[in-house]
Amino acid sequence: MTYRNDALLRHANGKRCVKCGKKDETVVAAHYTGARRHAYGGGLGIKVHDFLVAHLCGACHLEMDQLSRDKERRWEHSEEFLHYIVLTLDRCFDDGTIVGP
């Protein structure tokens, strides 16, 4: 079962893009679209778990979605997207959105 959490997705509102630093109304919680998506709850027409998102502006989100279709760069894209997810998770721990035990 794929994990869903609307609060985590809404947390992107008002944040800066972890890729380019832009802060505007287009920043959203962009779900991972890399080569390993099937291992993270994703599939054909199914997004990965909601905790595997990166805060990306509209332009960076579009770029990452387009790169996911590039078969020659799929592993490079996967690594880059996972890096942005880690930056987003770090942000969520720092501001208390995600709290450890």
N, C-alpha and C. Protein backbone atom coordinates (compact mmCIF):
# COMPACT_ATOMS: atom_id res chain seq x y z
N MET A 1 0.83 -1.18 0.00
CA MET A 1 0.00 0.00 0.00
C MET A 1 0.88 1.25 0.00
N THR A 2 0.55 2.18 -0.85
CA THR A 2 1.32 3.40 -0.98
C THR A 2 0.92 4.40 0.10
N TYR A 3 1.91 4.97 0.78
CA TYR A 3 1.68 5.92 1.88
C TYR A 3 1.24 7.26 1.32
N ARG A 4 0.16 7.81 1.86
CA ARG A 4 -0.36 9.12 1.47
C ARG A 4 -0.46 10.02 2.69
N ASN A 5 -0.08 11.31 2.52
CA ASN A 5 -0.13 12.27 3.62
C ASN A 5 -0.27 13.67 3.02
N ASP A 6 -1.49 14.19 3.03
CA ASP A 6 -1.76 15.51 2.46
C ASP A 6 -0.97 16.62 3.16
N ALA A 7 -0.75 16.50 4.46
CA ALA A 7 -0.01 17.53 5.19
C ALA A 7 1.42 17.65 4.67
N LEU A 8 2.07 16.52 4.38
CA LEU A 8 3.42 16.56 3.82
C LEU A 8 3.42 17.23 2.44
N LEU A 9 2.41 16.97 1.65
CA LEU A 9 2.33 17.58 0.32
C LEU A 9 2.09 19.08 0.42
N ARG A 10 1.22 19.50 1.33
CA ARG A 10 0.94 20.93 1.51
C ARG A 10 2.12 21.68 2.09
N HIS A 11 3.02 20.98 2.75
CA HIS A 11 4.19 21.62 3.37
C HIS A 11 5.04 22.37 2.35
N ALA A 12 4.95 22.04 1.09
CA ALA A 12 5.73 22.71 0.05
C ALA A 12 5.25 24.15 -0.19
N ASN A 13 4.00 24.44 0.16
CA ASN A 13 3.45 25.77 -0.07
C ASN A 13 4.28 26.83 0.65
N GLY A 14 4.72 27.83 -0.10
CA GLY A 14 5.48 28.94 0.47
C GLY A 14 6.95 28.67 0.66
N LYS A 15 7.42 27.49 0.27
CA LYS A 15 8.83 27.14 0.42
C LYS A 15 9.63 27.52 -0.84
N ARG A 16 10.94 27.47 -0.72
CA ARG A 16 11.83 27.67 -1.87
C ARG A 16 12.04 26.34 -2.58
N CYS A 17 12.25 26.42 -3.87
CA CYS A 17 12.58 25.24 -4.66
C CYS A 17 13.96 24.74 -4.23
N VAL A 18 14.08 23.44 -3.94
CA VAL A 18 15.38 22.90 -3.50
C VAL A 18 16.36 22.78 -4.65
N LYS A 19 15.91 22.93 -5.88
CA LYS A 19 16.79 22.84 -7.05
C LYS A 19 17.35 24.21 -7.44
N CYS A 20 16.48 25.20 -7.61
CA CYS A 20 16.93 26.50 -8.12
C CYS A 20 16.84 27.63 -7.09
N GLY A 21 16.14 27.40 -5.97
CA GLY A 21 16.02 28.42 -4.94
C GLY A 21 14.86 29.38 -5.12
N LYS A 22 14.13 29.26 -6.21
CA LYS A 22 13.00 30.16 -6.48
C LYS A 22 11.91 29.95 -5.43
N LYS A 23 11.27 31.06 -5.02
CA LYS A 23 10.17 30.98 -4.07
C LYS A 23 8.97 31.67 -4.68
N ASP A 24 7.99 30.88 -5.09
CA ASP A 24 6.75 31.43 -5.63
C ASP A 24 5.62 30.42 -5.47
N GLU A 25 4.47 30.76 -6.00
CA GLU A 25 3.27 29.92 -5.82
C GLU A 25 3.32 28.61 -6.60
N THR A 26 4.34 28.43 -7.46
CA THR A 26 4.41 27.18 -8.24
C THR A 26 5.14 26.06 -7.52
N VAL A 27 5.76 26.34 -6.36
CA VAL A 27 6.50 25.30 -5.63
C VAL A 27 5.51 24.27 -5.08
N VAL A 28 5.76 23.02 -5.42
CA VAL A 28 4.90 21.92 -4.99
C VAL A 28 5.77 20.75 -4.52
N ALA A 29 5.12 19.77 -3.92
CA ALA A 29 5.77 18.53 -3.53
C ALA A 29 5.74 17.61 -4.75
N ALA A 30 6.85 17.53 -5.45
CA ALA A 30 6.95 16.74 -6.68
C ALA A 30 7.38 15.31 -6.34
N HIS A 31 6.56 14.34 -6.72
CA HIS A 31 6.85 12.94 -6.45
C HIS A 31 8.01 12.44 -7.34
N TYR A 32 8.84 11.61 -6.75
CA TYR A 32 9.96 10.97 -7.45
C TYR A 32 9.47 10.23 -8.69
N THR A 33 10.16 10.45 -9.81
CA THR A 33 9.80 9.79 -11.07
C THR A 33 10.97 9.01 -11.67
N GLY A 34 11.95 8.70 -10.85
CA GLY A 34 13.17 8.06 -11.35
C GLY A 34 13.02 6.57 -11.63
N ALA A 35 14.13 5.99 -12.02
CA ALA A 35 14.19 4.60 -12.46
C ALA A 35 13.80 3.60 -11.38
N ARG A 36 13.89 4.00 -10.12
CA ARG A 36 13.57 3.10 -9.01
C ARG A 36 12.16 3.29 -8.47
N ARG A 37 11.30 3.99 -9.17
CA ARG A 37 9.96 4.31 -8.63
C ARG A 37 9.15 3.08 -8.25
N HIS A 38 9.35 1.96 -8.94
CA HIS A 38 8.59 0.75 -8.60
C HIS A 38 8.99 0.21 -7.22
N ALA A 39 10.20 0.49 -6.80
CA ALA A 39 10.65 0.04 -5.47
C ALA A 39 10.11 0.93 -4.35
N TYR A 40 9.56 2.10 -4.72
CA TYR A 40 9.12 3.08 -3.73
C TYR A 40 7.61 3.28 -3.75
N GLY A 41 6.86 2.25 -4.12
CA GLY A 41 5.41 2.32 -4.09
C GLY A 41 4.76 2.83 -5.36
N GLY A 42 5.55 3.21 -6.34
CA GLY A 42 5.01 3.73 -7.60
C GLY A 42 4.79 2.64 -8.61
N GLY A 43 4.10 2.99 -9.65
CA GLY A 43 3.83 2.05 -10.72
C GLY A 43 3.16 2.77 -11.87
N LEU A 44 2.60 2.04 -12.76
CA LEU A 44 1.93 2.62 -13.91
C LEU A 44 0.71 3.40 -13.42
N GLY A 45 0.78 4.72 -13.50
CA GLY A 45 -0.32 5.57 -13.05
C GLY A 45 -0.42 5.74 -11.55
N ILE A 46 0.56 5.25 -10.79
CA ILE A 46 0.55 5.35 -9.33
C ILE A 46 1.81 6.09 -8.89
N LYS A 47 1.63 7.17 -8.13
CA LYS A 47 2.77 7.93 -7.63
C LYS A 47 3.43 7.18 -6.48
N VAL A 48 4.70 7.48 -6.25
CA VAL A 48 5.44 6.89 -5.14
C VAL A 48 4.87 7.41 -3.82
N HIS A 49 5.36 6.88 -2.70
CA HIS A 49 4.95 7.32 -1.37
C HIS A 49 5.07 8.85 -1.25
N ASP A 50 4.19 9.44 -0.47
CA ASP A 50 4.18 10.90 -0.31
C ASP A 50 5.39 11.44 0.45
N PHE A 51 6.17 10.59 1.11
CA PHE A 51 7.38 11.08 1.77
C PHE A 51 8.57 11.10 0.82
N LEU A 52 8.38 10.69 -0.43
CA LEU A 52 9.45 10.72 -1.43
C LEU A 52 9.16 11.82 -2.45
N VAL A 53 9.13 13.05 -1.93
CA VAL A 53 8.86 14.22 -2.76
C VAL A 53 9.97 15.25 -2.58
N ALA A 54 10.11 16.09 -3.58
CA ALA A 54 11.04 17.22 -3.52
C ALA A 54 10.25 18.49 -3.72
N HIS A 55 10.58 19.53 -2.97
CA HIS A 55 9.93 20.83 -3.14
C HIS A 55 10.54 21.48 -4.38
N LEU A 56 9.78 21.47 -5.47
CA LEU A 56 10.25 22.01 -6.74
C LEU A 56 9.29 23.05 -7.28
N CYS A 57 9.84 24.09 -7.92
CA CYS A 57 9.01 25.08 -8.60
C CYS A 57 8.48 24.45 -9.89
N GLY A 58 7.56 25.12 -10.53
CA GLY A 58 6.95 24.59 -11.73
C GLY A 58 7.95 24.27 -12.82
N ALA A 59 8.91 25.15 -13.05
CA ALA A 59 9.91 24.93 -14.11
C ALA A 59 10.80 23.73 -13.80
N CYS A 60 11.27 23.62 -12.56
CA CYS A 60 12.14 22.50 -12.19
C CYS A 60 11.36 21.18 -12.16
N HIS A 61 10.10 21.25 -11.74
CA HIS A 61 9.25 20.06 -11.74
C HIS A 61 9.08 19.54 -13.16
N LEU A 62 8.78 20.44 -14.10
CA LEU A 62 8.64 20.07 -15.50
C LEU A 62 9.93 19.46 -16.03
N GLU A 63 11.06 20.09 -15.71
CA GLU A 63 12.35 19.57 -16.17
C GLU A 63 12.61 18.16 -15.64
N MET A 64 12.33 17.93 -14.35
CA MET A 64 12.56 16.61 -13.77
C MET A 64 11.63 15.57 -14.38
N ASP A 65 10.38 15.96 -14.65
CA ASP A 65 9.44 15.03 -15.30
C ASP A 65 9.90 14.68 -16.70
N GLN A 66 10.42 15.65 -17.43
CA GLN A 66 10.91 15.39 -18.78
C GLN A 66 12.15 14.51 -18.77
N LEU A 67 13.04 14.73 -17.80
CA LEU A 67 14.25 13.91 -17.69
C LEU A 67 13.91 12.45 -17.38
N SER A 68 12.79 12.22 -16.71
CA SER A 68 12.43 10.84 -16.36
C SER A 68 12.15 10.01 -17.61
N ARG A 69 11.90 10.66 -18.73
CA ARG A 69 11.62 9.96 -19.99
C ARG A 69 12.88 9.74 -20.83
N ASP A 70 14.01 10.32 -20.39
CA ASP A 70 15.26 10.21 -21.13
C ASP A 70 15.98 8.92 -20.74
N LYS A 71 15.90 7.92 -21.59
CA LYS A 71 16.46 6.60 -21.28
C LYS A 71 17.99 6.64 -21.10
N GLU A 72 18.67 7.51 -21.81
CA GLU A 72 20.13 7.58 -21.70
C GLU A 72 20.59 8.19 -20.38
N ARG A 73 19.78 9.07 -19.80
CA ARG A 73 20.18 9.74 -18.57
C ARG A 73 19.36 9.30 -17.36
N ARG A 74 18.66 8.16 -17.46
CA ARG A 74 17.73 7.79 -16.40
C ARG A 74 18.40 7.60 -15.04
N TRP A 75 19.62 7.06 -14.99
CA TRP A 75 20.27 6.86 -13.69
C TRP A 75 20.79 8.18 -13.13
N GLU A 76 21.27 9.04 -14.01
CA GLU A 76 21.70 10.36 -13.58
C GLU A 76 20.50 11.15 -13.03
N HIS A 77 19.38 11.08 -13.74
CA HIS A 77 18.15 11.74 -13.30
C HIS A 77 17.70 11.18 -11.95
N SER A 78 17.74 9.87 -11.80
CA SER A 78 17.32 9.23 -10.56
C SER A 78 18.15 9.73 -9.38
N GLU A 79 19.46 9.76 -9.55
CA GLU A 79 20.36 10.23 -8.50
C GLU A 79 20.09 11.69 -8.16
N GLU A 80 19.90 12.52 -9.18
CA GLU A 80 19.63 13.94 -8.95
C GLU A 80 18.31 14.13 -8.20
N PHE A 81 17.26 13.43 -8.63
CA PHE A 81 15.96 13.57 -7.98
C PHE A 81 16.04 13.10 -6.54
N LEU A 82 16.71 11.98 -6.28
CA LEU A 82 16.85 11.49 -4.90
C LEU A 82 17.59 12.50 -4.03
N HIS A 83 18.56 13.21 -4.60
CA HIS A 83 19.28 14.25 -3.86
C HIS A 83 18.31 15.36 -3.44
N TYR A 84 17.44 15.78 -4.34
CA TYR A 84 16.46 16.83 -4.00
C TYR A 84 15.47 16.35 -2.95
N ILE A 85 15.14 15.08 -2.98
CA ILE A 85 14.26 14.51 -1.95
C ILE A 85 14.94 14.56 -0.59
N VAL A 86 16.21 14.21 -0.54
CA VAL A 86 16.95 14.25 0.72
C VAL A 86 17.03 15.69 1.24
N LEU A 87 17.26 16.66 0.36
CA LEU A 87 17.28 18.07 0.79
C LEU A 87 15.92 18.47 1.36
N THR A 88 14.84 17.99 0.74
CA THR A 88 13.50 18.29 1.23
C THR A 88 13.24 17.64 2.58
N LEU A 89 13.65 16.38 2.74
CA LEU A 89 13.50 15.70 4.03
C LEU A 89 14.28 16.41 5.12
N ASP A 90 15.48 16.87 4.80
CA ASP A 90 16.30 17.62 5.75
C ASP A 90 15.57 18.88 6.18
N ARG A 91 14.98 19.57 5.24
CA ARG A 91 14.18 20.77 5.53
C ARG A 91 13.01 20.44 6.46
N CYS A 92 12.34 19.34 6.19
CA CYS A 92 11.18 18.94 7.00
C CYS A 92 11.57 18.59 8.43
N PHE A 93 12.71 17.98 8.62
CA PHE A 93 13.19 17.70 9.98
C PHE A 93 13.61 18.99 10.67
N ASP A 94 14.31 19.87 9.94
CA ASP A 94 14.77 21.12 10.52
C ASP A 94 13.63 22.00 11.01
N ASP A 95 12.54 22.05 10.24
CA ASP A 95 11.44 22.95 10.64
C ASP A 95 10.37 22.25 11.48
N GLY A 96 10.58 20.97 11.80
CA GLY A 96 9.66 20.25 12.68
C GLY A 96 8.45 19.65 12.02
N THR A 97 8.39 19.68 10.69
CA THR A 97 7.28 19.04 9.98
C THR A 97 7.32 17.54 10.20
N ILE A 98 8.52 16.98 10.20
CA ILE A 98 8.73 15.57 10.51
C ILE A 98 9.50 15.52 11.82
N VAL A 99 8.99 14.77 12.76
CA VAL A 99 9.59 14.69 14.09
C VAL A 99 9.96 13.27 14.38
N GLY A 100 11.17 13.07 14.86
CA GLY A 100 11.63 11.74 15.24
C GLY A 100 11.04 11.32 16.58
N PRO A 101 11.29 10.07 16.96
CA PRO A 101 10.74 9.56 18.23
C PRO A 101 11.33 10.28 19.44
